[in-house]
Amino acid sequence: MPAGSPSAGGRIGRLVAVGGRPGGKGGIRRSGNRPPRGPTPARTGLHRIGASDMTLPARPPTYRRTSAGPAGGRAPRRSRRWRGFTLIELLVVVAILSVLMGILLPSLNRAKALSRETVCRTNLRSIYLAQSAYVYENRRFQPLNNDQDDGAWQYNYLIYDGRDFDQNFGPLISDPSLLHDVRLLYCPFQKALSHRLNTPLNPWPTAPSLDTRAAYARRYRLTGKDLTRYQNTVGMFADLIHLPSVVKAAHRTGVNAVYSDGHAAWVPDPGIFTNNDLGTPFDPLDNPIIKEIWEAIDKGQ
């Protein structure tokens, strides 16, 4: 029915725009009903009739995304499942690692060999410095070499079977003030230790003895004439071993040597260091094979 008719009973009423009066305040007045008590909203520009019977639009509902479980509750969070490697992927990874190892291993082996050579040369130079200190304190005399036997290859070693050290290198080895560590007398990477039942130089009856042929070798019967002839470039000590398999255990391609002027150097194998057989004693003292080896060291510095 039309708004404002008598049958309306003032339930709905009319909305009348009310402006501000001169010198007064604008507001809302209700037509046909008693004015409401309380403060009047200011400047709304509307006059509402029957507001108690009017319903305002409801606030739109807010939806929340939830996942219901089997019993209507919140569903448990699903765990992330990792996918495993396939056989093809695993083979590809193994192939890549094999290629990388093939590239890196030669470099690592070479670096390891260089470190071994450096440690070995350091030991040889320490022996040379100990001998130089002995010469300085003994009026320039070399350590006494009290050898009176044949020229067996055993006499080239500073230590052999724990026998009398004075026979090979004089009192230098037994003097702790000059040579404080016996480990300087052999290459730390040499693996020539073994057990021997007998040796030509062993004065005792046949019995097991510790073979220490891993010790460094010295220049056999070195004289002042040799030092003058080679102009201080003659080899004094080297990590010479007479057995080919033993030499390869420490340095595969050559030997280290220290010379009369004090410098140490790496000497490549010319084919004589590891291709000789000195297993039997020789007479006279100048063993031709040993002499040839030392001359090769003199030329290979």
Protein backbone atom coordinates (compact mmCIF):
# COMPACT_ATOMS: atom_id res chain seq x y z
CA MET A 1 0.00 0.00 0.00
CA PRO A 2 1.15 3.59 -0.54
CA ALA A 3 3.35 5.08 2.04
CA GLY A 4 1.72 7.66 4.33
CA SER A 5 -1.89 6.26 3.97
CA PRO A 6 -4.02 6.04 7.11
CA SER A 7 -3.96 2.23 7.05
CA ALA A 8 -0.26 2.21 7.30
CA GLY A 9 -0.55 3.06 10.98
CA GLY A 10 2.76 4.82 10.92
CA ARG A 11 4.58 1.48 10.92
CA ILE A 12 6.59 2.28 7.89
CA GLY A 13 6.00 6.01 7.53
CA ARG A 14 7.75 8.39 5.22
CA LEU A 15 11.33 9.36 4.96
CA VAL A 16 11.35 13.12 4.79
CA ALA A 17 14.47 15.08 4.04
CA VAL A 18 14.97 17.74 6.61
CA GLY A 19 17.33 20.61 6.07
CA GLY A 20 18.96 22.78 8.62
CA ARG A 21 16.97 25.72 10.02
CA PRO A 22 18.41 29.20 10.10
CA GLY A 23 20.36 29.53 13.29
CA GLY A 24 19.51 25.96 14.28
CA LYS A 25 20.68 22.42 13.70
CA GLY A 26 19.58 19.95 11.15
CA GLY A 27 18.35 16.48 12.13
CA ILE A 28 15.74 13.77 11.65
CA ARG A 29 12.14 14.05 12.73
CA ARG A 30 9.60 11.24 12.71
CA SER A 31 6.25 11.92 11.01
CA GLY A 32 3.17 10.61 12.80
CA ASN A 33 5.05 9.17 15.78
CA ARG A 34 6.50 10.44 19.00
CA PRO A 35 9.96 11.89 18.60
CA PRO A 36 12.65 9.49 19.87
CA ARG A 37 14.48 10.28 23.03
CA GLY A 38 18.18 10.66 23.12
CA PRO A 39 20.66 12.36 20.86
CA THR A 40 19.70 13.01 17.32
CA PRO A 41 22.16 12.11 14.56
CA ALA A 42 23.45 15.25 12.94
CA ARG A 43 23.36 16.06 9.26
CA THR A 44 22.12 12.77 7.98
CA GLY A 45 19.64 14.45 5.65
CA LEU A 46 17.00 11.69 6.25
CA HIS A 47 13.82 11.51 8.33
CA ARG A 48 13.02 7.86 9.22
CA ILE A 49 9.50 6.75 10.12
CA GLY A 50 8.91 3.38 11.80
CA ALA A 51 12.56 2.53 12.12
CA SER A 52 11.88 -0.10 14.76
CA ASP A 53 10.07 -2.23 12.22
CA MET A 54 12.76 -2.01 9.57
CA THR A 55 15.48 -4.65 9.22
CA LEU A 56 18.90 -3.75 7.95
CA PRO A 57 20.73 -6.02 5.54
CA ALA A 58 22.78 -8.66 7.34
CA ARG A 59 26.55 -8.64 7.20
CA PRO A 60 27.77 -11.03 4.55
CA PRO A 61 29.11 -14.22 6.13
CA THR A 62 32.83 -14.86 6.28
CA TYR A 63 33.91 -18.25 5.03
CA ARG A 64 37.02 -20.04 6.37
CA ARG A 65 38.62 -22.81 4.41
CA THR A 66 38.85 -25.89 6.56
CA SER A 67 39.35 -29.52 5.78
CA ALA A 68 37.15 -31.85 7.68
CA GLY A 69 38.49 -35.12 8.93
CA PRO A 70 36.72 -38.44 9.10
CA ALA A 71 34.91 -37.45 12.35
CA GLY A 72 34.11 -33.91 11.23
CA GLY A 73 37.21 -32.44 12.85
CA ARG A 74 40.32 -30.92 11.32
CA ALA A 75 42.14 -33.26 8.97
CA PRO A 76 45.79 -34.04 9.80
CA ARG A 77 48.43 -32.41 7.60
CA ARG A 78 49.77 -34.73 4.97
CA SER A 79 53.53 -35.38 5.26
CA ARG A 80 55.74 -34.67 2.26
CA ARG A 81 56.90 -37.90 0.70
CA TRP A 82 60.36 -37.85 -0.99
CA ARG A 83 60.79 -39.69 -4.19
CA GLY A 84 63.80 -42.04 -4.27
CA PHE A 85 66.48 -42.36 -6.97
CA THR A 86 65.86 -44.52 -9.93
CA LEU A 87 68.47 -46.99 -11.11
CA ILE A 88 69.32 -44.85 -14.14
CA GLU A 89 69.87 -41.76 -11.99
CA LEU A 90 72.09 -43.72 -9.62
CA LEU A 91 74.20 -45.07 -12.48
CA VAL A 92 74.60 -41.56 -13.90
CA VAL A 93 75.84 -40.26 -10.53
CA VAL A 94 78.31 -43.15 -10.22
CA ALA A 95 79.61 -42.49 -13.73
CA ILE A 96 80.13 -38.78 -12.98
CA LEU A 97 81.99 -39.58 -9.77
CA SER A 98 84.20 -42.07 -11.60
CA VAL A 99 85.15 -39.46 -14.19
CA LEU A 100 85.96 -36.90 -11.48
CA MET A 101 88.08 -39.40 -9.56
CA GLY A 102 89.94 -40.29 -12.73
CA ILE A 103 90.77 -36.61 -13.23
CA LEU A 104 91.73 -35.84 -9.63
CA LEU A 105 93.61 -38.99 -8.57
CA PRO A 106 96.70 -38.45 -10.79
CA SER A 107 97.11 -34.95 -9.39
CA LEU A 108 96.68 -36.17 -5.83
CA ASN A 109 99.17 -38.99 -6.34
CA ARG A 110 101.70 -36.58 -7.80
CA ALA A 111 101.26 -34.20 -4.87
CA LYS A 112 101.76 -37.09 -2.46
CA ALA A 113 104.93 -38.18 -4.27
CA LEU A 114 106.32 -34.63 -4.15
CA SER A 115 105.70 -34.42 -0.42
CA ARG A 116 107.56 -37.70 0.09
CA GLU A 117 110.50 -36.49 -1.96
CA THR A 118 110.64 -33.28 0.07
CA VAL A 119 110.71 -35.09 3.42
CA CYS A 120 113.39 -37.46 2.16
CA ARG A 121 115.60 -34.61 0.94
CA THR A 122 115.18 -32.87 4.29
CA ASN A 123 116.52 -35.95 6.08
CA LEU A 124 119.50 -36.19 3.75
CA ARG A 125 120.35 -32.55 4.26
CA SER A 126 120.13 -33.03 8.04
CA ILE A 127 122.72 -35.81 7.77
CA TYR A 128 124.95 -33.52 5.73
CA LEU A 129 124.65 -30.74 8.32
CA ALA A 130 125.55 -33.19 11.10
CA GLN A 131 128.64 -34.24 9.16
CA SER A 132 129.57 -30.59 8.55
CA ALA A 133 129.33 -29.90 12.29
CA TYR A 134 131.57 -32.89 12.96
CA VAL A 135 134.14 -31.68 10.43
CA TYR A 136 134.10 -28.17 11.92
CA GLU A 137 134.71 -29.49 15.44
CA ASN A 138 137.44 -31.97 14.41
CA ARG A 139 139.89 -29.83 12.44
CA ARG A 140 138.20 -30.54 9.10
CA PHE A 141 138.54 -34.30 9.33
CA GLN A 142 135.71 -36.44 8.05
CA PRO A 143 134.16 -39.08 10.33
CA LEU A 144 136.42 -42.12 10.55
CA ASN A 145 135.36 -45.02 8.36
CA ASN A 146 136.89 -48.11 9.91
CA ASP A 147 136.14 -50.57 7.12
CA GLN A 148 138.62 -53.40 6.60
CA ASP A 149 136.49 -55.97 4.80
CA ASP A 150 135.65 -56.60 1.18
CA GLY A 151 133.54 -54.28 -0.90
CA ALA A 152 130.14 -55.79 -0.23
CA TRP A 153 127.12 -53.66 -0.98
CA GLN A 154 126.19 -53.66 2.73
CA TYR A 155 128.93 -51.14 3.44
CA ASN A 156 127.11 -48.49 1.48
CA TYR A 157 124.39 -48.23 4.11
CA LEU A 158 124.62 -46.08 7.20
CA ILE A 159 122.82 -48.80 9.16
CA TYR A 160 122.72 -52.47 8.34
CA ASP A 161 121.40 -55.24 10.60
CA GLY A 162 122.17 -53.18 13.71
CA ARG A 163 125.87 -53.82 13.34
CA ASP A 164 128.66 -51.54 14.60
CA PHE A 165 127.81 -48.03 13.42
CA ASP A 166 131.43 -46.93 13.55
CA GLN A 167 132.23 -49.23 10.66
CA ASN A 168 129.95 -47.37 8.28
CA PHE A 169 129.96 -43.77 9.39
CA GLY A 170 132.35 -43.38 12.27
CA PRO A 171 131.35 -41.90 15.64
CA LEU A 172 128.97 -39.43 14.03
CA ILE A 173 125.97 -41.74 14.33
CA SER A 174 126.63 -42.58 17.98
CA ASP A 175 127.00 -38.91 19.00
CA PRO A 176 123.54 -37.61 20.06
CA SER A 177 124.76 -34.01 20.06
CA LEU A 178 125.27 -34.17 16.29
CA LEU A 179 122.64 -36.65 15.14
CA HIS A 180 119.83 -36.48 17.67
CA ASP A 181 117.29 -38.71 15.92
CA VAL A 182 118.08 -42.07 14.34
CA ARG A 183 115.02 -41.71 12.09
CA LEU A 184 117.00 -39.23 10.02
CA LEU A 185 119.13 -42.12 8.75
CA TYR A 186 116.46 -43.64 6.53
CA CYS A 187 113.71 -42.55 4.22
CA PRO A 188 110.43 -42.36 6.17
CA PHE A 189 108.55 -43.82 3.20
CA GLN A 190 110.84 -46.78 2.68
CA LYS A 191 109.33 -50.17 3.46
CA ALA A 192 112.37 -52.42 3.36
CA LEU A 193 112.15 -53.85 6.87
CA SER A 194 112.14 -57.64 6.87
CA HIS A 195 113.61 -60.62 8.69
CA ARG A 196 116.75 -62.30 7.40
CA LEU A 197 118.19 -65.57 8.65
CA ASN A 198 121.77 -64.75 7.75
CA THR A 199 123.99 -62.14 6.14
CA PRO A 200 127.63 -62.24 5.05
CA LEU A 201 128.51 -59.44 7.48
CA ASN A 202 126.85 -60.94 10.53
CA PRO A 203 129.58 -62.24 12.89
CA TRP A 204 127.07 -64.09 15.02
CA PRO A 205 125.67 -67.58 14.31
CA THR A 206 122.71 -67.84 12.01
CA ALA A 207 119.67 -66.31 13.71
CA PRO A 208 116.78 -64.02 12.82
CA SER A 209 117.81 -60.39 12.61
CA LEU A 210 116.09 -57.18 11.65
CA ASP A 211 117.09 -56.03 8.20
CA THR A 212 117.43 -52.24 8.07
CA ARG A 213 118.54 -51.83 4.50
CA ALA A 214 116.11 -48.95 4.28
CA ALA A 215 118.85 -46.66 5.63
CA TYR A 216 120.46 -44.05 3.40
CA ALA A 217 123.63 -44.89 1.54
CA ARG A 218 126.87 -42.94 1.79
CA ARG A 219 129.57 -42.39 -0.79
CA TYR A 220 131.89 -45.35 -0.32
CA ARG A 221 135.57 -44.45 0.19
CA LEU A 222 135.19 -40.77 -0.54
CA THR A 223 138.57 -39.01 -0.71
CA GLY A 224 139.73 -35.45 -1.02
CA LYS A 225 140.71 -36.16 -4.61
CA ASP A 226 137.10 -36.82 -5.50
CA LEU A 227 135.97 -33.57 -3.90
CA THR A 228 138.57 -31.58 -5.85
CA ARG A 229 137.88 -33.26 -9.14
CA TYR A 230 134.12 -32.76 -9.03
CA GLN A 231 134.40 -29.19 -7.72
CA ASN A 232 132.12 -29.74 -4.72
CA THR A 233 129.37 -31.38 -6.75
CA VAL A 234 130.03 -34.98 -5.76
CA GLY A 235 127.22 -36.98 -4.21
CA MET A 236 127.66 -37.65 -0.50
CA PHE A 237 124.48 -39.42 0.59
CA ALA A 238 121.51 -40.89 -1.26
CA ASP A 239 118.52 -43.12 -0.66
CA LEU A 240 120.02 -45.95 -2.69
CA ILE A 241 118.69 -49.45 -2.22
CA HIS A 242 120.12 -52.33 -4.20
CA LEU A 243 116.85 -54.21 -4.69
CA PRO A 244 114.54 -52.91 -7.44
CA SER A 245 111.36 -53.77 -5.56
CA VAL A 246 112.61 -51.91 -2.50
CA VAL A 247 113.51 -48.76 -4.40
CA LYS A 248 110.07 -48.55 -5.98
CA ALA A 249 108.45 -48.74 -2.57
CA ALA A 250 109.69 -45.25 -1.69
CA HIS A 251 110.41 -43.38 -4.95
CA ARG A 252 109.38 -44.93 -8.23
CA THR A 253 111.24 -42.77 -10.72
CA GLY A 254 114.54 -41.84 -9.08
CA VAL A 255 116.43 -41.13 -5.86
CA ASN A 256 117.25 -38.18 -3.63
CA ALA A 257 120.85 -37.19 -3.06
CA VAL A 258 122.77 -34.53 -1.14
CA TYR A 259 126.05 -33.20 -2.53
CA SER A 260 129.30 -31.98 -1.07
CA ASP A 261 128.31 -28.32 -1.38
CA GLY A 262 125.23 -28.93 0.78
CA HIS A 263 122.43 -28.86 -1.76
CA ALA A 264 119.98 -31.73 -2.12
CA ALA A 265 118.37 -32.69 -5.41
CA TRP A 266 116.13 -35.22 -7.05
CA VAL A 267 117.96 -37.48 -9.51
CA PRO A 268 115.82 -39.25 -12.12
CA ASP A 269 116.61 -42.91 -12.61
CA PRO A 270 118.75 -43.34 -15.76
CA GLY A 271 118.05 -47.06 -15.70
CA ILE A 272 120.80 -48.13 -13.34
CA PHE A 273 119.37 -47.42 -9.87
CA THR A 274 116.75 -50.14 -10.02
CA ASN A 275 118.33 -52.54 -12.53
CA ASN A 276 121.29 -53.98 -10.67
CA ASP A 277 122.03 -57.09 -8.69
CA LEU A 278 124.39 -56.53 -5.78
CA GLY A 279 123.36 -59.50 -3.67
CA THR A 280 126.86 -61.00 -3.26
CA PRO A 281 130.02 -59.52 -1.79
CA PHE A 282 132.57 -58.11 -4.18
CA ASP A 283 136.30 -57.92 -3.98
CA PRO A 284 138.22 -55.61 -4.33
CA LEU A 285 136.68 -52.76 -2.35
CA ASP A 286 135.79 -50.67 -5.39
CA ASN A 287 132.62 -52.34 -6.49
CA PRO A 288 132.27 -51.35 -10.17
CA ILE A 289 128.47 -51.34 -10.09
CA ILE A 290 128.25 -49.20 -6.97
CA LYS A 291 130.84 -46.83 -8.38
CA GLU A 292 128.84 -46.50 -11.56
CA ILE A 293 125.71 -45.70 -9.58
CA TRP A 294 127.40 -42.87 -7.67
CA GLU A 295 128.84 -41.44 -10.86
CA ALA A 296 125.33 -41.40 -12.30
CA ILE A 297 124.21 -39.44 -9.23
CA ASP A 298 127.03 -36.95 -9.77
CA LYS A 299 125.92 -36.35 -13.34
CA GLY A 300 122.21 -36.30 -12.67
CA GLN A 301 122.03 -33.39 -10.23
